[in-house]
Amino acid sequence: MKTLTVRLPEALAAEIDAESRQRNISKSDVVRERLEGGSRARRRSSAPLGQIADLIGAAKSLPADLSSRKKHYLDLLSTAPSAPVLAST
């Protein structure tokens, strides 16, 4: 395993020290877990498709060629009469 030296603000160093004592693990393990957790979160957010995967195919009554003919359908929407506006009471 490689060694890396970093300088931390006092508050963060104290937080890591307290967590390592509380969990009875080394400070290196605490830092390693935090770094690995952060990289996992970045990987998840860099894959937006995974965030909406459960929605794919959830919309009903849409044309099958919507993605390839989006301009055509947008043109249809722009020429369609507007929906009536309901008056608020």
C-alpha atoms as a PDB file:
ATOM      1  CA  MET A   1       0.000   0.000   0.000  1.00  0.00           C
ATOM      2  CA  LYS A   2       1.298   3.505  -0.828  1.00  0.00           C
ATOM      3  CA  THR A   3       1.811   6.198   1.791  1.00  0.00           C
ATOM      4  CA  LEU A   4       0.403   9.701   1.357  1.00  0.00           C
ATOM      5  CA  THR A   5       1.036  12.645   3.661  1.00  0.00           C
ATOM      6  CA  VAL A   6      -1.597  15.377   3.891  1.00  0.00           C
ATOM      7  CA  ARG A   7      -2.119  18.433   6.049  1.00  0.00           C
ATOM      8  CA  LEU A   8      -5.555  18.704   7.651  1.00  0.00           C
ATOM      9  CA  PRO A   9      -7.300  21.515   9.491  1.00  0.00           C
ATOM     10  CA  GLU A  10      -7.248  21.014  13.262  1.00  0.00           C
ATOM     11  CA  ALA A  11     -11.010  20.444  13.431  1.00  0.00           C
ATOM     12  CA  LEU A  12     -10.961  17.704  10.789  1.00  0.00           C
ATOM     13  CA  ALA A  13      -7.931  16.010  12.348  1.00  0.00           C
ATOM     14  CA  ALA A  14      -9.681  16.049  15.745  1.00  0.00           C
ATOM     15  CA  GLU A  15     -12.842  14.582  14.184  1.00  0.00           C
ATOM     16  CA  ILE A  16     -10.865  11.762  12.561  1.00  0.00           C
ATOM     17  CA  ASP A  17      -8.969  11.125  15.797  1.00  0.00           C
ATOM     18  CA  ALA A  18     -12.210  10.955  17.825  1.00  0.00           C
ATOM     19  CA  GLU A  19     -13.838   8.594  15.317  1.00  0.00           C
ATOM     20  CA  SER A  20     -10.806   6.294  15.296  1.00  0.00           C
ATOM     21  CA  ARG A  21     -10.818   6.087  19.101  1.00  0.00           C
ATOM     22  CA  GLN A  22     -14.585   5.558  19.250  1.00  0.00           C
ATOM     23  CA  ARG A  23     -14.536   2.783  16.620  1.00  0.00           C
ATOM     24  CA  ASN A  24     -11.208   1.378  17.816  1.00  0.00           C
ATOM     25  CA  ILE A  25      -9.638   1.513  14.359  1.00  0.00           C
ATOM     26  CA  SER A  26      -6.632   3.416  13.029  1.00  0.00           C
ATOM     27  CA  LYS A  27      -6.871   6.984  11.774  1.00  0.00           C
ATOM     28  CA  SER A  28      -5.635   5.697   8.431  1.00  0.00           C
ATOM     29  CA  ASP A  29      -8.622   3.350   8.241  1.00  0.00           C
ATOM     30  CA  VAL A  30     -11.019   6.208   9.003  1.00  0.00           C
ATOM     31  CA  VAL A  31      -9.471   8.404   6.298  1.00  0.00           C
ATOM     32  CA  ARG A  32      -9.390   5.495   3.816  1.00  0.00           C
ATOM     33  CA  GLU A  33     -13.096   4.757   4.415  1.00  0.00           C
ATOM     34  CA  ARG A  34     -14.005   8.406   3.959  1.00  0.00           C
ATOM     35  CA  LEU A  35     -12.017   8.679   0.737  1.00  0.00           C
ATOM     36  CA  GLU A  36     -13.512   5.486  -0.657  1.00  0.00           C
ATOM     37  CA  GLY A  37     -17.026   6.608   0.300  1.00  0.00           C
ATOM     38  CA  GLY A  38     -16.526   9.943  -1.438  1.00  0.00           C
ATOM     39  CA  SER A  39     -15.295   8.354  -4.643  1.00  0.00           C
ATOM     40  CA  ARG A  40     -18.309   5.991  -4.657  1.00  0.00           C
ATOM     41  CA  ALA A  41     -20.662   8.955  -4.299  1.00  0.00           C
ATOM     42  CA  ARG A  42     -18.954  10.749  -7.194  1.00  0.00           C
ATOM     43  CA  ARG A  43     -19.170   7.642  -9.345  1.00  0.00           C
ATOM     44  CA  ARG A  44     -22.892   7.340  -8.599  1.00  0.00           C
ATOM     45  CA  SER A  45     -23.567  10.970  -9.442  1.00  0.00           C
ATOM     46  CA  SER A  46     -21.525  10.701 -12.629  1.00  0.00           C
ATOM     47  CA  ALA A  47     -23.899   7.956 -13.809  1.00  0.00           C
ATOM     48  CA  PRO A  48     -27.237   9.794 -14.016  1.00  0.00           C
ATOM     49  CA  LEU A  49     -28.815   6.953 -15.967  1.00  0.00           C
ATOM     50  CA  GLY A  50     -28.531   4.778 -12.880  1.00  0.00           C
ATOM     51  CA  GLN A  51     -30.460   7.367 -10.902  1.00  0.00           C
ATOM     52  CA  ILE A  52     -33.456   7.212 -13.230  1.00  0.00           C
ATOM     53  CA  ALA A  53     -33.235   3.581 -14.329  1.00  0.00           C
ATOM     54  CA  ASP A  54     -36.436   2.702 -12.473  1.00  0.00           C
ATOM     55  CA  LEU A  55     -38.312   5.340 -14.500  1.00  0.00           C
ATOM     56  CA  ILE A  56     -37.276   4.038 -17.911  1.00  0.00           C
ATOM     57  CA  GLY A  57     -40.315   2.637 -19.628  1.00  0.00           C
ATOM     58  CA  ALA A  58     -42.644   3.938 -16.905  1.00  0.00           C
ATOM     59  CA  ALA A  59     -44.475   6.448 -19.124  1.00  0.00           C
ATOM     60  CA  LYS A  60     -47.429   4.990 -20.964  1.00  0.00           C
ATOM     61  CA  SER A  61     -49.026   6.112 -24.233  1.00  0.00           C
ATOM     62  CA  LEU A  62     -45.920   7.712 -25.719  1.00  0.00           C
ATOM     63  CA  PRO A  63     -44.880   7.096 -29.310  1.00  0.00           C
ATOM     64  CA  ALA A  64     -42.286   4.351 -29.723  1.00  0.00           C
ATOM     65  CA  ASP A  65     -40.137   6.579 -31.954  1.00  0.00           C
ATOM     66  CA  LEU A  66     -40.130   9.600 -29.641  1.00  0.00           C
ATOM     67  CA  SER A  67     -36.370   9.688 -29.179  1.00  0.00           C
ATOM     68  CA  SER A  68     -35.612   9.535 -32.899  1.00  0.00           C
ATOM     69  CA  ARG A  69     -38.392  11.925 -34.003  1.00  0.00           C
ATOM     70  CA  LYS A  70     -38.395  14.419 -31.133  1.00  0.00           C
ATOM     71  CA  LYS A  71     -38.307  17.451 -33.476  1.00  0.00           C
ATOM     72  CA  HIS A  72     -41.432  16.212 -35.234  1.00  0.00           C
ATOM     73  CA  TYR A  73     -43.311  15.782 -31.955  1.00  0.00           C
ATOM     74  CA  LEU A  74     -42.116  19.136 -30.621  1.00  0.00           C
ATOM     75  CA  ASP A  75     -43.393  20.782 -33.801  1.00  0.00           C
ATOM     76  CA  LEU A  76     -46.756  19.085 -33.256  1.00  0.00           C
ATOM     77  CA  LEU A  77     -46.878  20.413 -29.706  1.00  0.00           C
ATOM     78  CA  SER A  78     -46.098  23.958 -30.800  1.00  0.00           C
ATOM     79  CA  THR A  79     -48.942  23.942 -33.361  1.00  0.00           C
ATOM     80  CA  ALA A  80     -51.493  22.221 -31.110  1.00  0.00           C
ATOM     81  CA  PRO A  81     -54.169  24.431 -29.535  1.00  0.00           C
ATOM     82  CA  SER A  82     -53.448  25.395 -25.955  1.00  0.00           C
ATOM     83  CA  ALA A  83     -55.159  23.584 -23.137  1.00  0.00           C
ATOM     84  CA  PRO A  84     -57.903  25.609 -21.465  1.00  0.00           C
ATOM     85  CA  VAL A  85     -56.817  27.523 -18.392  1.00  0.00           C
ATOM     86  CA  LEU A  86     -58.958  26.914 -15.316  1.00  0.00           C
ATOM     87  CA  ALA A  87     -60.028  30.011 -13.463  1.00  0.00           C
ATOM     88  CA  SER A  88     -59.081  30.052  -9.795  1.00  0.00           C
ATOM     89  CA  THR A  89     -61.745  30.990  -7.297  1.00  0.00           C
END
